[in-house]
Structure formats: C-alpha cells, structure tokens
N, C-alpha and C. Protein backbone atom coordinates (compact mmCIF):
# COMPACT_ATOMS: atom_id res chain seq x y z
N UNK A 1 114.91 -140.24 8.40
CA UNK A 1 113.54 -140.45 8.66
C UNK A 1 112.96 -141.43 7.52
N UNK A 2 112.03 -142.32 7.82
CA UNK A 2 111.53 -143.24 6.85
C UNK A 2 109.93 -143.30 7.05
N UNK A 3 109.18 -142.43 6.46
CA UNK A 3 107.78 -142.55 6.47
C UNK A 3 107.29 -143.88 5.90
N UNK A 4 106.27 -144.42 6.53
CA UNK A 4 105.78 -145.66 6.03
C UNK A 4 104.21 -145.54 5.88
N UNK A 5 103.66 -145.92 4.67
CA UNK A 5 102.19 -145.78 4.50
C UNK A 5 101.75 -146.77 3.54
N UNK A 6 100.45 -146.94 3.56
CA UNK A 6 99.83 -148.01 2.67
C UNK A 6 98.82 -147.34 1.71
N UNK A 7 98.84 -147.92 0.56
CA UNK A 7 97.99 -147.46 -0.59
C UNK A 7 97.40 -148.80 -1.33
N UNK A 8 96.33 -148.54 -2.02
CA UNK A 8 95.76 -149.63 -2.86
C UNK A 8 96.51 -149.95 -4.05
N UNK A 9 97.55 -149.06 -4.45
CA UNK A 9 98.26 -149.39 -5.59
C UNK A 9 99.70 -149.19 -5.23
N UNK A 10 100.63 -149.79 -6.16
CA UNK A 10 102.08 -149.66 -5.97
C UNK A 10 102.59 -148.49 -6.68
N UNK A 11 103.26 -147.52 -5.99
CA UNK A 11 103.92 -146.32 -6.43
C UNK A 11 105.34 -146.68 -6.88
N UNK A 12 105.72 -146.38 -8.00
CA UNK A 12 107.13 -146.38 -8.33
C UNK A 12 107.67 -145.15 -8.98
N UNK A 13 108.52 -144.49 -8.14
CA UNK A 13 109.00 -143.05 -8.55
C UNK A 13 110.46 -143.08 -8.17
N UNK A 14 111.21 -143.49 -9.20
CA UNK A 14 112.70 -143.31 -9.02
C UNK A 14 113.23 -143.77 -7.77
N UNK A 15 114.26 -143.00 -7.28
CA UNK A 15 115.00 -143.57 -6.03
C UNK A 15 114.37 -143.26 -4.72
N UNK A 16 113.24 -142.51 -4.72
CA UNK A 16 112.60 -142.19 -3.37
C UNK A 16 112.04 -143.30 -2.60
N UNK A 17 111.44 -144.20 -3.20
CA UNK A 17 110.84 -145.26 -2.55
C UNK A 17 111.85 -146.38 -2.44
N UNK A 18 112.24 -146.66 -1.08
CA UNK A 18 113.37 -147.56 -0.81
C UNK A 18 112.80 -149.01 -0.71
N UNK A 19 111.50 -149.12 -0.39
CA UNK A 19 110.99 -150.50 -0.18
C UNK A 19 109.49 -150.45 -0.35
N UNK A 20 109.00 -151.43 -1.11
CA UNK A 20 107.56 -151.61 -1.43
C UNK A 20 107.22 -153.08 -1.17
N UNK A 21 106.17 -153.30 -0.33
CA UNK A 21 105.79 -154.66 -0.03
C UNK A 21 104.32 -154.81 -0.25
N UNK A 22 103.85 -155.84 -0.84
CA UNK A 22 102.57 -156.17 -0.98
C UNK A 22 102.01 -156.79 0.34
N UNK A 23 101.03 -156.12 0.95
CA UNK A 23 100.70 -156.51 2.35
C UNK A 23 99.79 -157.76 2.40
N UNK A 24 98.65 -157.64 1.70
CA UNK A 24 97.74 -158.76 1.58
C UNK A 24 96.78 -158.74 0.51
N UNK A 25 96.48 -159.93 -0.02
CA UNK A 25 95.48 -160.09 -1.14
C UNK A 25 94.07 -159.75 -0.59
N UNK A 26 93.86 -159.92 0.76
CA UNK A 26 92.51 -159.68 1.26
C UNK A 26 92.37 -158.15 1.38
N UNK A 27 93.30 -157.39 1.88
CA UNK A 27 93.20 -156.02 2.05
C UNK A 27 93.55 -155.16 0.95
N UNK A 28 94.36 -155.70 -0.06
CA UNK A 28 94.76 -155.11 -1.27
C UNK A 28 95.67 -153.84 -0.92
N UNK A 29 96.52 -154.01 0.01
CA UNK A 29 97.42 -152.90 0.34
C UNK A 29 98.82 -153.05 -0.12
N UNK A 30 99.38 -151.98 -0.53
CA UNK A 30 100.91 -151.95 -0.77
C UNK A 30 101.52 -151.03 0.34
N UNK A 31 102.43 -151.55 1.04
CA UNK A 31 103.09 -150.73 2.09
C UNK A 31 104.31 -150.08 1.41
N UNK A 32 104.49 -148.78 1.60
CA UNK A 32 105.60 -148.12 1.03
C UNK A 32 106.38 -147.45 2.05
N UNK A 33 107.70 -147.66 1.97
CA UNK A 33 108.71 -147.02 2.84
C UNK A 33 109.52 -146.05 2.05
N UNK A 34 109.56 -144.89 2.50
CA UNK A 34 110.21 -143.72 1.73
C UNK A 34 111.36 -143.29 2.50
N UNK A 35 112.53 -143.24 1.94
CA UNK A 35 113.86 -142.71 2.54
C UNK A 35 113.84 -141.20 2.43
N UNK A 36 113.88 -140.44 3.67
CA UNK A 36 114.03 -139.12 3.56
C UNK A 36 115.33 -138.58 4.27
N UNK A 37 116.29 -138.08 3.52
CA UNK A 37 117.58 -137.80 4.11
C UNK A 37 117.72 -136.24 4.30
N UNK A 38 116.81 -135.49 3.73
CA UNK A 38 116.90 -134.00 3.74
C UNK A 38 115.40 -133.50 3.85
N UNK A 39 115.22 -132.45 4.52
CA UNK A 39 113.90 -131.93 4.74
C UNK A 39 113.25 -131.39 3.39
N UNK A 40 114.11 -131.05 2.50
CA UNK A 40 113.61 -130.57 1.11
C UNK A 40 112.98 -131.69 0.32
N UNK A 41 113.17 -132.93 0.76
CA UNK A 41 112.58 -134.15 0.16
C UNK A 41 110.99 -134.29 0.59
N UNK A 42 110.68 -133.53 1.53
CA UNK A 42 109.32 -133.59 1.90
C UNK A 42 108.54 -132.64 1.04
N UNK A 43 108.03 -132.96 -0.07
CA UNK A 43 107.41 -132.04 -1.03
C UNK A 43 105.88 -132.35 -1.20
N UNK A 44 105.35 -131.73 -2.19
CA UNK A 44 103.92 -131.91 -2.49
C UNK A 44 103.58 -133.30 -2.90
N UNK A 45 104.42 -133.98 -3.68
CA UNK A 45 104.24 -135.27 -4.10
C UNK A 45 104.16 -136.24 -2.93
N UNK A 46 105.23 -136.18 -2.06
CA UNK A 46 105.16 -137.09 -0.89
C UNK A 46 103.93 -136.77 -0.03
N UNK A 47 103.65 -135.52 0.33
CA UNK A 47 102.40 -135.13 1.07
C UNK A 47 101.15 -135.63 0.46
N UNK A 48 101.15 -135.62 -0.84
CA UNK A 48 99.91 -136.22 -1.50
C UNK A 48 99.69 -137.66 -1.37
N UNK A 49 100.89 -138.45 -1.40
CA UNK A 49 100.89 -139.83 -1.09
C UNK A 49 100.35 -140.13 0.29
N UNK A 50 100.86 -139.35 1.26
CA UNK A 50 100.45 -139.55 2.57
C UNK A 50 99.01 -139.17 2.86
N UNK A 51 98.57 -138.09 2.23
CA UNK A 51 97.07 -137.72 2.31
C UNK A 51 96.24 -138.90 1.64
N UNK A 52 96.69 -139.40 0.54
CA UNK A 52 95.94 -140.48 -0.08
C UNK A 52 95.88 -141.74 0.88
N UNK A 53 97.00 -142.02 1.41
CA UNK A 53 97.02 -143.13 2.41
C UNK A 53 96.10 -142.94 3.58
N UNK A 54 95.95 -141.61 4.03
CA UNK A 54 95.19 -141.39 5.18
C UNK A 54 93.63 -141.69 4.85
N UNK A 55 93.32 -141.23 3.61
CA UNK A 55 91.93 -141.47 3.11
C UNK A 55 91.71 -142.95 2.79
N UNK A 56 92.71 -143.62 2.34
CA UNK A 56 92.57 -145.04 2.17
C UNK A 56 92.47 -145.79 3.48
N UNK A 57 93.20 -145.38 4.48
CA UNK A 57 93.09 -146.01 5.75
C UNK A 57 91.73 -145.81 6.32
N UNK A 58 91.25 -144.56 6.21
CA UNK A 58 89.84 -144.34 6.79
C UNK A 58 88.78 -145.23 6.20
N UNK A 59 88.95 -145.32 4.82
CA UNK A 59 87.98 -146.27 4.13
C UNK A 59 88.06 -147.75 4.53
N UNK A 60 89.22 -148.13 5.01
CA UNK A 60 89.42 -149.55 5.29
C UNK A 60 89.15 -149.89 6.71
N UNK A 61 88.78 -149.04 7.55
CA UNK A 61 88.38 -149.29 8.98
C UNK A 61 87.01 -149.76 9.07
C-alpha cells in the first residue's frame, strides 16, 4: 500500500517516505508517497500527516 497526500511543507522522516514531489509554486503543495509494507507502520505519526493533509485540502478548495 502506498498512501499519497499533499501538505504545504516537505516531510523528511527516515525511510518511510519513498517519494516527495513539489507539486506547484502556485498551490504550494508537496506530494508525499509513503511505502507501507506492514499494518504496524500505520501509526499515530502517519495518521497525523493524513489528518493534516485533509485539513490542508479543505482549505485549498
């Protein structure tokens, strides 16, 4: 599984993030692709990023 989400900042945390792309200067988005190979990797940190991305997305609409 590879969740993908956008944030206004670039997250760099060890090996978890397998790909980070700057989406656009106009929107100010960084797109993050996270490699999940085991359900135990779905932790509070990842869910916090996803929640932050959801709030960011709501504000961009």
